[in-house]
């Protein structure tokens, strides 16, 4: 969601790679 997208911008990683999304 929005959180994953925001984290992607901060971490510079894809939302799919974010542990929060998994």
PDB file of N, CA and C in Angstrom:
ATOM      1  N   UNK A   1       0.817  -1.207   0.000  1.00  0.00           N
ATOM      2  CA  UNK A   1       0.000   0.000   0.000  1.00  0.00           C
ATOM      3  C   UNK A   1       0.851   1.258   0.000  1.00  0.00           C
ATOM      4  N   UNK A   2       0.297   2.319   0.508  1.00  0.00           N
ATOM      5  CA  UNK A   2       1.007   3.606   0.548  1.00  0.00           C
ATOM      6  C   UNK A   2       2.271   3.499   1.404  1.00  0.00           C
ATOM      7  N   UNK A   3       2.164   2.785   2.518  1.00  0.00           N
ATOM      8  CA  UNK A   3       3.301   2.643   3.427  1.00  0.00           C
ATOM      9  C   UNK A   3       4.483   1.988   2.716  1.00  0.00           C
ATOM     10  N   UNK A   4       4.212   0.926   2.006  1.00  0.00           N
ATOM     11  CA  UNK A   4       5.261   0.216   1.280  1.00  0.00           C
ATOM     12  C   UNK A   4       5.896   1.130   0.239  1.00  0.00           C
ATOM     13  N   UNK A   5       5.061   1.920  -0.432  1.00  0.00           N
ATOM     14  CA  UNK A   5       5.559   2.828  -1.460  1.00  0.00           C
ATOM     15  C   UNK A   5       6.445   3.895  -0.832  1.00  0.00           C
ATOM     16  N   UNK A   6       6.026   4.420   0.321  1.00  0.00           N
ATOM     17  CA  UNK A   6       6.792   5.448   1.024  1.00  0.00           C
ATOM     18  C   UNK A   6       8.122   4.870   1.487  1.00  0.00           C
ATOM     19  N   UNK A   7       8.086   3.664   2.030  1.00  0.00           N
ATOM     20  CA  UNK A   7       9.305   3.009   2.490  1.00  0.00           C
ATOM     21  C   UNK A   7      10.248   2.774   1.320  1.00  0.00           C
ATOM     22  N   UNK A   8       9.679   2.454   0.169  1.00  0.00           N
ATOM     23  CA  UNK A   8      10.484   2.219  -1.028  1.00  0.00           C
ATOM     24  C   UNK A   8      11.278   3.471  -1.372  1.00  0.00           C
ATOM     25  N   UNK A   9      10.645   4.625  -1.219  1.00  0.00           N
ATOM     26  CA  UNK A   9      11.317   5.888  -1.528  1.00  0.00           C
ATOM     27  C   UNK A   9      12.432   6.162  -0.519  1.00  0.00           C
ATOM     28  N   UNK A  10      12.172   5.853   0.753  1.00  0.00           N
ATOM     29  CA  UNK A  10      13.168   6.100   1.800  1.00  0.00           C
ATOM     30  C   UNK A  10      14.336   5.125   1.690  1.00  0.00           C
ATOM     31  N   UNK A  11      14.008   3.842   1.529  1.00  0.00           N
ATOM     32  CA  UNK A  11      15.046   2.818   1.473  1.00  0.00           C
ATOM     33  C   UNK A  11      15.616   2.668   0.066  1.00  0.00           C
ATOM     34  N   UNK A  12      14.884   3.200  -0.908  1.00  0.00           N
ATOM     35  CA  UNK A  12      15.348   3.096  -2.283  1.00  0.00           C
ATOM     36  C   UNK A  12      15.197   1.675  -2.812  1.00  0.00           C
ATOM     37  N   UNK A  13      14.276   0.931  -2.199  1.00  0.00           N
ATOM     38  CA  UNK A  13      14.046  -0.450  -2.615  1.00  0.00           C
ATOM     39  C   UNK A  13      12.644  -0.595  -3.163  1.00  0.00           C
ATOM     40  N   UNK A  14      12.393  -1.696  -3.838  1.00  0.00           N
ATOM     41  CA  UNK A  14      11.056  -1.947  -4.385  1.00  0.00           C
ATOM     42  C   UNK A  14      10.107  -2.379  -3.265  1.00  0.00           C
ATOM     43  N   UNK A  15       8.825  -2.017  -3.376  1.00  0.00           N
ATOM     44  CA  UNK A  15       7.816  -2.386  -2.374  1.00  0.00           C
ATOM     45  C   UNK A  15       7.773  -3.892  -2.133  1.00  0.00           C
ATOM     46  N   UNK A  16       8.039  -4.651  -3.182  1.00  0.00           N
ATOM     47  CA  UNK A  16       7.992  -6.112  -3.068  1.00  0.00           C
ATOM     48  C   UNK A  16       9.118  -6.609  -2.170  1.00  0.00           C
ATOM     49  N   UNK A  17      10.237  -5.901  -2.177  1.00  0.00           N
ATOM     50  CA  UNK A  17      11.396  -6.319  -1.391  1.00  0.00           C
ATOM     51  C   UNK A  17      11.258  -5.896   0.062  1.00  0.00           C
ATOM     52  N   UNK A  18      10.327  -4.979   0.326  1.00  0.00           N
ATOM     53  CA  UNK A  18      10.120  -4.516   1.694  1.00  0.00           C
ATOM     54  C   UNK A  18       9.550  -5.637   2.549  1.00  0.00           C
ATOM     55  N   UNK A  19      10.137  -5.869   3.717  1.00  0.00           N
ATOM     56  CA  UNK A  19       9.667  -6.924   4.630  1.00  0.00           C
ATOM     57  C   UNK A  19       8.248  -6.664   5.110  1.00  0.00           C
ATOM     58  N   UNK A  20       7.850  -5.385   5.144  1.00  0.00           N
ATOM     59  CA  UNK A  20       6.511  -5.028   5.617  1.00  0.00           C
ATOM     60  C   UNK A  20       5.447  -5.516   4.644  1.00  0.00           C
ATOM     61  N   UNK A  21       5.807  -5.540   3.365  1.00  0.00           N
ATOM     62  CA  UNK A  21       4.856  -5.964   2.345  1.00  0.00           C
ATOM     63  C   UNK A  21       4.717  -7.485   2.326  1.00  0.00           C
ATOM     64  N   UNK A  22       5.802  -8.166   2.623  1.00  0.00           N
ATOM     65  CA  UNK A  22       5.799  -9.640   2.594  1.00  0.00           C
ATOM     66  C   UNK A  22       4.846 -10.211   3.623  1.00  0.00           C
TER      67      UNK A  22
END
